[in-house]
Amino acid sequence: MNSLKKYLGIVWMCAGPTIIVIMILQAIDKVGTASSKAIAITNDLKKAAALGEVNNTILQWSIIILVFIPIAIGLMIFGKYSFAGEYDHTNKKAKL
């Protein structure tokens, strides 16, 4: 069981940066899609609404990324401790 914890520690350490990179790439894609739609519109009123949508998309993805970066860092720290064997003693009974 301890070896499984160590292998999963490696998985968690690799998952943290991977998740951050995937989320940033997804944000770039969504903002790019929204801005390309706004550029294609010729009507001034619809263009203003589309630019507002671009701003909303940027705001939403910034909040999502800013919330999930600490979660991903915590996942990496958890993986580091798991790989180091810090959780190997959890099955022993604590002495009072």
PDB file of N, CA and C in Angstrom:
ATOM      1  N   MET A   1       0.816  -1.188   0.000  1.00  0.00           N
ATOM      2  CA  MET A   1       0.000   0.000   0.000  1.00  0.00           C
ATOM      3  C   MET A   1       0.865   1.260   0.000  1.00  0.00           C
ATOM      4  N   ASN A   2       1.991   1.189   0.704  1.00  0.00           N
ATOM      5  CA  ASN A   2       2.864   2.356   0.743  1.00  0.00           C
ATOM      6  C   ASN A   2       3.476   2.653  -0.621  1.00  0.00           C
ATOM      7  N   SER A   3       3.767   1.599  -1.384  1.00  0.00           N
ATOM      8  CA  SER A   3       4.325   1.840  -2.720  1.00  0.00           C
ATOM      9  C   SER A   3       3.266   2.472  -3.627  1.00  0.00           C
ATOM     10  N   LEU A   4       2.009   2.097  -3.444  1.00  0.00           N
ATOM     11  CA  LEU A   4       0.927   2.711  -4.214  1.00  0.00           C
ATOM     12  C   LEU A   4       0.817   4.201  -3.878  1.00  0.00           C
ATOM     13  N   LYS A   5       0.979   4.535  -2.594  1.00  0.00           N
ATOM     14  CA  LYS A   5       0.946   5.940  -2.184  1.00  0.00           C
ATOM     15  C   LYS A   5       2.080   6.723  -2.841  1.00  0.00           C
ATOM     16  N   LYS A   6       3.247   6.098  -2.961  1.00  0.00           N
ATOM     17  CA  LYS A   6       4.382   6.780  -3.583  1.00  0.00           C
ATOM     18  C   LYS A   6       4.141   6.995  -5.080  1.00  0.00           C
ATOM     19  N   TYR A   7       3.604   5.992  -5.758  1.00  0.00           N
ATOM     20  CA  TYR A   7       3.318   6.146  -7.182  1.00  0.00           C
ATOM     21  C   TYR A   7       2.235   7.204  -7.414  1.00  0.00           C
ATOM     22  N   LEU A   8       1.221   7.189  -6.571  1.00  0.00           N
ATOM     23  CA  LEU A   8       0.178   8.201  -6.712  1.00  0.00           C
ATOM     24  C   LEU A   8       0.701   9.589  -6.361  1.00  0.00           C
ATOM     25  N   GLY A   9       1.703   9.666  -5.497  1.00  0.00           N
ATOM     26  CA  GLY A   9       2.338  10.943  -5.210  1.00  0.00           C
ATOM     27  C   GLY A   9       2.959  11.540  -6.460  1.00  0.00           C
ATOM     28  N   ILE A  10       3.586  10.696  -7.267  1.00  0.00           N
ATOM     29  CA  ILE A  10       4.157  11.165  -8.534  1.00  0.00           C
ATOM     30  C   ILE A  10       3.042  11.652  -9.455  1.00  0.00           C
ATOM     31  N   VAL A  11       1.929  10.920  -9.475  1.00  0.00           N
ATOM     32  CA  VAL A  11       0.788  11.317 -10.310  1.00  0.00           C
ATOM     33  C   VAL A  11       0.272  12.685  -9.882  1.00  0.00           C
ATOM     34  N   TRP A  12       0.113  12.910  -8.567  1.00  0.00           N
ATOM     35  CA  TRP A  12      -0.408  14.186  -8.080  1.00  0.00           C
ATOM     36  C   TRP A  12       0.572  15.320  -8.367  1.00  0.00           C
ATOM     37  N   MET A  13       1.871  15.053  -8.218  1.00  0.00           N
ATOM     38  CA  MET A  13       2.859  16.099  -8.505  1.00  0.00           C
ATOM     39  C   MET A  13       2.845  16.487  -9.988  1.00  0.00           C
ATOM     40  N   CYS A  14       2.601  15.527 -10.853  1.00  0.00           N
ATOM     41  CA  CYS A  14       2.547  15.823 -12.289  1.00  0.00           C
ATOM     42  C   CYS A  14       1.203  16.429 -12.688  1.00  0.00           C
ATOM     43  N   ALA A  15       0.146  16.078 -11.961  1.00  0.00           N
ATOM     44  CA  ALA A  15      -1.187  16.561 -12.311  1.00  0.00           C
ATOM     45  C   ALA A  15      -1.342  18.056 -12.049  1.00  0.00           C
ATOM     46  N   GLY A  16      -0.703  18.576 -11.006  1.00  0.00           N
ATOM     47  CA  GLY A  16      -0.846  19.991 -10.669  1.00  0.00           C
ATOM     48  C   GLY A  16      -0.450  20.930 -11.800  1.00  0.00           C
ATOM     49  N   PRO A  17       0.795  20.870 -12.278  1.00  0.00           N
ATOM     50  CA  PRO A  17       1.188  21.761 -13.379  1.00  0.00           C
ATOM     51  C   PRO A  17       0.431  21.476 -14.677  1.00  0.00           C
ATOM     52  N   THR A  18       0.098  20.211 -14.899  1.00  0.00           N
ATOM     53  CA  THR A  18      -0.645  19.856 -16.110  1.00  0.00           C
ATOM     54  C   THR A  18      -2.012  20.524 -16.112  1.00  0.00           C
ATOM     55  N   ILE A  19      -2.694  20.506 -14.974  1.00  0.00           N
ATOM     56  CA  ILE A  19      -4.010  21.130 -14.874  1.00  0.00           C
ATOM     57  C   ILE A  19      -3.916  22.628 -15.107  1.00  0.00           C
ATOM     58  N   ILE A  20      -2.894  23.256 -14.542  1.00  0.00           N
ATOM     59  CA  ILE A  20      -2.726  24.705 -14.722  1.00  0.00           C
ATOM     60  C   ILE A  20      -2.513  25.038 -16.198  1.00  0.00           C
ATOM     61  N   VAL A  21      -1.661  24.275 -16.864  1.00  0.00           N
ATOM     62  CA  VAL A  21      -1.374  24.533 -18.284  1.00  0.00           C
ATOM     63  C   VAL A  21      -2.617  24.312 -19.134  1.00  0.00           C
ATOM     64  N   ILE A  22      -3.356  23.246 -18.872  1.00  0.00           N
ATOM     65  CA  ILE A  22      -4.571  22.961 -19.642  1.00  0.00           C
ATOM     66  C   ILE A  22      -5.592  24.066 -19.447  1.00  0.00           C
ATOM     67  N   MET A  23      -5.742  24.548 -18.219  1.00  0.00           N
ATOM     68  CA  MET A  23      -6.709  25.613 -17.968  1.00  0.00           C
ATOM     69  C   MET A  23      -6.307  26.908 -18.661  1.00  0.00           C
ATOM     70  N   ILE A  24      -5.030  27.228 -18.670  1.00  0.00           N
ATOM     71  CA  ILE A  24      -4.585  28.449 -19.348  1.00  0.00           C
ATOM     72  C   ILE A  24      -4.794  28.332 -20.859  1.00  0.00           C
ATOM     73  N   LEU A  25      -4.505  27.175 -21.422  1.00  0.00           N
ATOM     74  CA  LEU A  25      -4.739  26.968 -22.850  1.00  0.00           C
ATOM     75  C   LEU A  25      -6.229  27.051 -23.188  1.00  0.00           C
ATOM     76  N   GLN A  26      -7.061  26.496 -22.325  1.00  0.00           N
ATOM     77  CA  GLN A  26      -8.506  26.557 -22.530  1.00  0.00           C
ATOM     78  C   GLN A  26      -8.990  28.009 -22.455  1.00  0.00           C
ATOM     79  N   ALA A  27      -8.459  28.781 -21.513  1.00  0.00           N
ATOM     80  CA  ALA A  27      -8.837  30.190 -21.386  1.00  0.00           C
ATOM     81  C   ALA A  27      -8.433  30.974 -22.626  1.00  0.00           C
ATOM     82  N   ILE A  28      -7.238  30.721 -23.131  1.00  0.00           N
ATOM     83  CA  ILE A  28      -6.778  31.414 -24.344  1.00  0.00           C
ATOM     84  C   ILE A  28      -7.690  31.073 -25.519  1.00  0.00           C
ATOM     85  N   ASP A  29      -8.099  29.825 -25.623  1.00  0.00           N
ATOM     86  CA  ASP A  29      -8.993  29.399 -26.697  1.00  0.00           C
ATOM     87  C   ASP A  29     -10.351  30.084 -26.597  1.00  0.00           C
ATOM     88  N   LYS A  30     -10.926  30.106 -25.399  1.00  0.00           N
ATOM     89  CA  LYS A  30     -12.261  30.699 -25.224  1.00  0.00           C
ATOM     90  C   LYS A  30     -12.236  32.213 -25.452  1.00  0.00           C
ATOM     91  N   VAL A  31     -11.209  32.890 -24.964  1.00  0.00           N
ATOM     92  CA  VAL A  31     -11.110  34.337 -25.179  1.00  0.00           C
ATOM     93  C   VAL A  31     -10.868  34.629 -26.662  1.00  0.00           C
ATOM     94  N   GLY A  32     -10.057  33.825 -27.313  1.00  0.00           N
ATOM     95  CA  GLY A  32      -9.812  33.994 -28.744  1.00  0.00           C
ATOM     96  C   GLY A  32     -11.069  33.802 -29.568  1.00  0.00           C
ATOM     97  N   THR A  33     -11.872  32.808 -29.201  1.00  0.00           N
ATOM     98  CA  THR A  33     -13.126  32.564 -29.909  1.00  0.00           C
ATOM     99  C   THR A  33     -14.084  33.737 -29.730  1.00  0.00           C
ATOM    100  N   ALA A  34     -14.210  34.228 -28.499  1.00  0.00           N
ATOM    101  CA  ALA A  34     -15.113  35.349 -28.237  1.00  0.00           C
ATOM    102  C   ALA A  34     -14.637  36.613 -28.956  1.00  0.00           C
ATOM    103  N   SER A  35     -13.342  36.858 -28.974  1.00  0.00           N
ATOM    104  CA  SER A  35     -12.845  38.068 -29.634  1.00  0.00           C
ATOM    105  C   SER A  35     -12.947  37.970 -31.153  1.00  0.00           C
ATOM    106  N   SER A  36     -12.779  36.787 -31.708  1.00  0.00           N
ATOM    107  CA  SER A  36     -12.922  36.651 -33.160  1.00  0.00           C
ATOM    108  C   SER A  36     -14.376  36.852 -33.576  1.00  0.00           C
ATOM    109  N   LYS A  37     -15.316  36.425 -32.727  1.00  0.00           N
ATOM    110  CA  LYS A  37     -16.729  36.691 -33.014  1.00  0.00           C
ATOM    111  C   LYS A  37     -17.008  38.188 -32.957  1.00  0.00           C
ATOM    112  N   ALA A  38     -16.396  38.880 -31.991  1.00  0.00           N
ATOM    113  CA  ALA A  38     -16.620  40.321 -31.855  1.00  0.00           C
ATOM    114  C   ALA A  38     -16.022  41.088 -33.027  1.00  0.00           C
ATOM    115  N   ILE A  39     -14.896  40.636 -33.532  1.00  0.00           N
ATOM    116  CA  ILE A  39     -14.255  41.320 -34.655  1.00  0.00           C
ATOM    117  C   ILE A  39     -15.076  41.152 -35.929  1.00  0.00           C
ATOM    118  N   ALA A  40     -15.739  40.010 -36.075  1.00  0.00           N
ATOM    119  CA  ALA A  40     -16.488  39.721 -37.291  1.00  0.00           C
ATOM    120  C   ALA A  40     -17.788  40.520 -37.387  1.00  0.00           C
ATOM    121  N   ILE A  41     -18.281  41.042 -36.282  1.00  0.00           N
ATOM    122  CA  ILE A  41     -19.552  41.769 -36.289  1.00  0.00           C
ATOM    123  C   ILE A  41     -19.323  43.187 -36.819  1.00  0.00           C
ATOM    124  N   THR A  42     -20.212  43.627 -37.733  1.00  0.00           N
ATOM    125  CA  THR A  42     -20.079  44.964 -38.318  1.00  0.00           C
ATOM    126  C   THR A  42     -21.037  45.970 -37.695  1.00  0.00           C
ATOM    127  N   ASN A  43     -22.172  45.525 -37.176  1.00  0.00           N
ATOM    128  CA  ASN A  43     -23.146  46.424 -36.559  1.00  0.00           C
ATOM    129  C   ASN A  43     -22.562  46.968 -35.248  1.00  0.00           C
ATOM    130  N   ASP A  44     -22.592  48.283 -35.060  1.00  0.00           N
ATOM    131  CA  ASP A  44     -21.965  48.912 -33.896  1.00  0.00           C
ATOM    132  C   ASP A  44     -22.604  48.477 -32.580  1.00  0.00           C
ATOM    133  N   LEU A  45     -23.924  48.361 -32.554  1.00  0.00           N
ATOM    134  CA  LEU A  45     -24.608  47.981 -31.324  1.00  0.00           C
ATOM    135  C   LEU A  45     -24.278  46.539 -30.943  1.00  0.00           C
ATOM    136  N   LYS A  46     -24.308  45.661 -31.917  1.00  0.00           N
ATOM    137  CA  LYS A  46     -23.981  44.256 -31.651  1.00  0.00           C
ATOM    138  C   LYS A  46     -22.496  44.092 -31.328  1.00  0.00           C
ATOM    139  N   LYS A  47     -21.653  44.931 -31.940  1.00  0.00           N
ATOM    140  CA  LYS A  47     -20.219  44.855 -31.677  1.00  0.00           C
ATOM    141  C   LYS A  47     -19.924  45.254 -30.232  1.00  0.00           C
ATOM    142  N   ALA A  48     -20.623  46.260 -29.716  1.00  0.00           N
ATOM    143  CA  ALA A  48     -20.419  46.675 -28.327  1.00  0.00           C
ATOM    144  C   ALA A  48     -20.835  45.557 -27.374  1.00  0.00           C
ATOM    145  N   ALA A  49     -21.934  44.888 -27.673  1.00  0.00           N
ATOM    146  CA  ALA A  49     -22.376  43.766 -26.836  1.00  0.00           C
ATOM    147  C   ALA A  49     -21.376  42.616 -26.911  1.00  0.00           C
ATOM    148  N   ALA A  50     -20.839  42.367 -28.095  1.00  0.00           N
ATOM    149  CA  ALA A  50     -19.864  41.287 -28.260  1.00  0.00           C
ATOM    150  C   ALA A  50     -18.563  41.607 -27.533  1.00  0.00           C
ATOM    151  N   LEU A  51     -18.160  42.880 -27.522  1.00  0.00           N
ATOM    152  CA  LEU A  51     -16.955  43.259 -26.781  1.00  0.00           C
ATOM    153  C   LEU A  51     -17.180  43.116 -25.279  1.00  0.00           C
ATOM    154  N   GLY A  52     -18.401  43.386 -24.831  1.00  0.00           N
ATOM    155  CA  GLY A  52     -18.737  43.137 -23.433  1.00  0.00           C
ATOM    156  C   GLY A  52     -18.648  41.666 -23.100  1.00  0.00           C
ATOM    157  N   GLU A  53     -19.041  40.820 -24.042  1.00  0.00           N
ATOM    158  CA  GLU A  53     -18.929  39.372 -23.841  1.00  0.00           C
ATOM    159  C   GLU A  53     -17.462  38.939 -23.761  1.00  0.00           C
ATOM    160  N   VAL A  54     -16.615  39.578 -24.541  1.00  0.00           N
ATOM    161  CA  VAL A  54     -15.179  39.278 -24.477  1.00  0.00           C
ATOM    162  C   VAL A  54     -14.639  39.646 -23.092  1.00  0.00           C
ATOM    163  N   ASN A  55     -15.041  40.819 -22.587  1.00  0.00           N
ATOM    164  CA  ASN A  55     -14.598  41.233 -21.256  1.00  0.00           C
ATOM    165  C   ASN A  55     -15.100  40.276 -20.182  1.00  0.00           C
ATOM    166  N   ASN A  56     -16.347  39.821 -20.319  1.00  0.00           N
ATOM    167  CA  ASN A  56     -16.890  38.858 -19.355  1.00  0.00           C
ATOM    168  C   ASN A  56     -16.129  37.535 -19.403  1.00  0.00           C
ATOM    169  N   THR A  57     -15.779  37.095 -20.602  1.00  0.00           N
ATOM    170  CA  THR A  57     -15.036  35.847 -20.744  1.00  0.00           C
ATOM    171  C   THR A  57     -13.655  35.960 -20.101  1.00  0.00           C
ATOM    172  N   ILE A  58     -13.006  37.087 -20.312  1.00  0.00           N
ATOM    173  CA  ILE A  58     -11.684  37.295 -19.700  1.00  0.00           C
ATOM    174  C   ILE A  58     -11.812  37.297 -18.184  1.00  0.00           C
ATOM    175  N   LEU A  59     -12.816  37.993 -17.665  1.00  0.00           N
ATOM    176  CA  LEU A  59     -13.013  38.065 -16.217  1.00  0.00           C
ATOM    177  C   LEU A  59     -13.302  36.683 -15.627  1.00  0.00           C
ATOM    178  N   GLN A  60     -14.181  35.936 -16.265  1.00  0.00           N
ATOM    179  CA  GLN A  60     -14.528  34.607 -15.761  1.00  0.00           C
ATOM    180  C   GLN A  60     -13.314  33.689 -15.722  1.00  0.00           C
ATOM    181  N   TRP A  61     -12.555  33.664 -16.801  1.00  0.00           N
ATOM    182  CA  TRP A  61     -11.407  32.760 -16.839  1.00  0.00           C
ATOM    183  C   TRP A  61     -10.300  33.202 -15.897  1.00  0.00           C
ATOM    184  N   SER A  62     -10.162  34.535 -15.675  1.00  0.00           N
ATOM    185  CA  SER A  62      -9.150  34.961 -14.697  1.00  0.00           C
ATOM    186  C   SER A  62      -9.525  34.495 -13.305  1.00  0.00           C
ATOM    187  N   ILE A  63     -10.808  34.590 -12.963  1.00  0.00           N
ATOM    188  CA  ILE A  63     -11.240  34.138 -11.640  1.00  0.00           C
ATOM    189  C   ILE A  63     -11.057  32.633 -11.509  1.00  0.00           C
ATOM    190  N   ILE A  64     -11.446  31.895 -12.529  1.00  0.00           N
ATOM    191  CA  ILE A  64     -11.307  30.428 -12.485  1.00  0.00           C
ATOM    192  C   ILE A  64      -9.840  30.037 -12.300  1.00  0.00           C
ATOM    193  N   ILE A  65      -8.955  30.654 -13.063  1.00  0.00           N
ATOM    194  CA  ILE A  65      -7.532  30.311 -12.971  1.00  0.00           C
ATOM    195  C   ILE A  65      -6.966  30.710 -11.613  1.00  0.00           C
ATOM    196  N   LEU A  66      -7.346  31.895 -11.125  1.00  0.00           N
ATOM    197  CA  LEU A  66      -6.826  32.346  -9.832  1.00  0.00           C
ATOM    198  C   LEU A  66      -7.319  31.485  -8.677  1.00  0.00           C
ATOM    199  N   VAL A  67      -8.496  30.883  -8.811  1.00  0.00           N
ATOM    200  CA  VAL A  67      -9.001  29.999  -7.760  1.00  0.00           C
ATOM    201  C   VAL A  67      -8.313  28.641  -7.825  1.00  0.00           C
ATOM    202  N   PHE A  68      -8.098  28.123  -9.033  1.00  0.00           N
ATOM    203  CA  PHE A  68      -7.591  26.766  -9.152  1.00  0.00           C
ATOM    204  C   PHE A  68      -6.064  26.653  -9.078  1.00  0.00           C
ATOM    205  N   ILE A  69      -5.332  27.741  -9.212  1.00  0.00           N
ATOM    206  CA  ILE A  69      -3.878  27.659  -9.065  1.00  0.00           C
ATOM    207  C   ILE A  69      -3.491  27.236  -7.648  1.00  0.00           C
ATOM    208  N   PRO A  70      -4.062  27.831  -6.577  1.00  0.00           N
ATOM    209  CA  PRO A  70      -3.712  27.333  -5.236  1.00  0.00           C
ATOM    210  C   PRO A  70      -4.148  25.880  -5.002  1.00  0.00           C
ATOM    211  N   ILE A  71      -5.258  25.478  -5.605  1.00  0.00           N
ATOM    212  CA  ILE A  71      -5.690  24.087  -5.477  1.00  0.00           C
ATOM    213  C   ILE A  71      -4.667  23.162  -6.135  1.00  0.00           C
ATOM    214  N   ALA A  72      -4.182  23.531  -7.309  1.00  0.00           N
ATOM    215  CA  ALA A  72      -3.176  22.717  -8.002  1.00  0.00           C
ATOM    216  C   ALA A  72      -1.859  22.702  -7.230  1.00  0.00           C
ATOM    217  N   ILE A  73      -1.499  23.827  -6.607  1.00  0.00           N
ATOM    218  CA  ILE A  73      -0.282  23.855  -5.795  1.00  0.00           C
ATOM    219  C   ILE A  73      -0.436  22.933  -4.589  1.00  0.00           C
ATOM    220  N   GLY A  74      -1.612  22.955  -3.972  1.00  0.00           N
ATOM    221  CA  GLY A  74      -1.878  22.040  -2.861  1.00  0.00           C
ATOM    222  C   GLY A  74      -1.811  20.587  -3.296  1.00  0.00           C
ATOM    223  N   LEU A  75      -2.268  20.301  -4.494  1.00  0.00           N
ATOM    224  CA  LEU A  75      -2.184  18.946  -5.039  1.00  0.00           C
ATOM    225  C   LEU A  75      -0.725  18.532  -5.212  1.00  0.00           C
ATOM    226  N   MET A  76       0.112  19.454  -5.664  1.00  0.00           N
ATOM    227  CA  MET A  76       1.536  19.145  -5.821  1.00  0.00           C
ATOM    228  C   MET A  76       2.207  18.924  -4.463  1.00  0.00           C
ATOM    229  N   ILE A  77       1.835  19.730  -3.478  1.00  0.00           N
ATOM    230  CA  ILE A  77       2.404  19.557  -2.128  1.00  0.00           C
ATOM    231  C   ILE A  77       1.967  18.220  -1.541  1.00  0.00           C
ATOM    232  N   PHE A  78       0.690  17.885  -1.714  1.00  0.00           N
ATOM    233  CA  PHE A  78       0.183  16.602  -1.244  1.00  0.00           C
ATOM    234  C   PHE A  78       0.945  15.453  -1.906  1.00  0.00           C
ATOM    235  N   GLY A  79       1.193  15.554  -3.206  1.00  0.00           N
ATOM    236  CA  GLY A  79       1.947  14.528  -3.923  1.00  0.00           C
ATOM    237  C   GLY A  79       3.380  14.421  -3.441  1.00  0.00           C
ATOM    238  N   LYS A  80       3.983  15.571  -3.124  1.00  0.00           N
ATOM    239  CA  LYS A  80       5.360  15.574  -2.618  1.00  0.00           C
ATOM    240  C   LYS A  80       5.446  14.833  -1.293  1.00  0.00           C
ATOM    241  N   TYR A  81       4.519  15.121  -0.392  1.00  0.00           N
ATOM    242  CA  TYR A  81       4.525  14.447   0.902  1.00  0.00           C
ATOM    243  C   TYR A  81       4.191  12.958   0.764  1.00  0.00           C
ATOM    244  N   SER A  82       3.310  12.647  -0.150  1.00  0.00           N
ATOM    245  CA  SER A  82       2.967  11.241  -0.377  1.00  0.00           C
ATOM    246  C   SER A  82       4.161  10.486  -0.943  1.00  0.00           C
ATOM    247  N   PHE A  83       4.869  11.106  -1.873  1.00  0.00           N
ATOM    248  CA  PHE A  83       6.054  10.468  -2.457  1.00  0.00           C
ATOM    249  C   PHE A  83       7.173  10.330  -1.433  1.00  0.00           C
ATOM    250  N   ALA A  84       7.267  11.292  -0.526  1.00  0.00           N
ATOM    251  CA  ALA A  84       8.323  11.264   0.496  1.00  0.00           C
ATOM    252  C   ALA A  84       8.029  10.250   1.603  1.00  0.00           C
ATOM    253  N   GLY A  85       6.813   9.708   1.620  1.00  0.00           N
ATOM    254  CA  GLY A  85       6.485   8.697   2.623  1.00  0.00           C
ATOM    255  C   GLY A  85       5.941   9.263   3.920  1.00  0.00           C
ATOM    256  N   GLU A  86       5.474  10.500   3.896  1.00  0.00           N
ATOM    257  CA  GLU A  86       4.954  11.114   5.110  1.00  0.00           C
ATOM    258  C   GLU A  86       3.642  10.488   5.563  1.00  0.00           C
ATOM    259  N   TYR A  87       2.934   9.823   4.673  1.00  0.00           N
ATOM    260  CA  TYR A  87       1.649   9.218   5.017  1.00  0.00           C
ATOM    261  C   TYR A  87       1.757   7.715   5.274  1.00  0.00           C
ATOM    262  N   ASP A  88       2.975   7.195   5.400  1.00  0.00           N
ATOM    263  CA  ASP A  88       3.149   5.764   5.624  1.00  0.00           C
ATOM    264  C   ASP A  88       2.730   5.339   7.025  1.00  0.00           C
ATOM    265  N   HIS A  89       2.760   6.218   7.967  1.00  0.00           N
ATOM    266  CA  HIS A  89       2.489   5.872   9.360  1.00  0.00           C
ATOM    267  C   HIS A  89       1.011   6.013   9.733  1.00  0.00           C
ATOM    268  N   THR A  90       0.133   6.319   8.821  1.00  0.00           N
ATOM    269  CA  THR A  90      -1.262   6.619   9.169  1.00  0.00           C
ATOM    270  C   THR A  90      -2.032   5.392   9.630  1.00  0.00           C
ATOM    271  N   ASN A  91      -1.556   4.194   9.345  1.00  0.00           N
ATOM    272  CA  ASN A  91      -2.271   2.995   9.756  1.00  0.00           C
ATOM    273  C   ASN A  91      -1.951   2.572  11.188  1.00  0.00           C
ATOM    274  N   LYS A  92      -0.938   3.159  11.802  1.00  0.00           N
ATOM    275  CA  LYS A  92      -0.583   2.821  13.169  1.00  0.00           C
ATOM    276  C   LYS A  92      -1.478   3.573  14.132  1.00  0.00           C
ATOM    277  N   LYS A  93      -1.769   2.962  15.260  1.00  0.00           N
ATOM    278  CA  LYS A  93      -2.607   3.606  16.262  1.00  0.00           C
ATOM    279  C   LYS A  93      -1.781   4.659  17.005  1.00  0.00           C
ATOM    280  N   ALA A  94      -2.426   5.787  17.243  1.00  0.00           N
ATOM    281  CA  ALA A  94      -1.743   6.870  17.947  1.00  0.00           C
ATOM    282  C   ALA A  94      -1.725   6.581  19.448  1.00  0.00           C
ATOM    283  N   LYS A  95      -0.605   6.896  20.083  1.00  0.00           N
ATOM    284  CA  LYS A  95      -0.499   6.699  21.519  1.00  0.00           C
ATOM    285  C   LYS A  95      -1.018   7.950  22.229  1.00  0.00           C
ATOM    286  N   LEU A  96      -1.788   7.731  23.258  1.00  0.00           N
ATOM    287  CA  LEU A  96      -2.349   8.861  24.008  1.00  0.00           C
ATOM    288  C   LEU A  96      -1.543   9.206  25.205  1.00  0.00           C
TER     289      LEU A  96
END
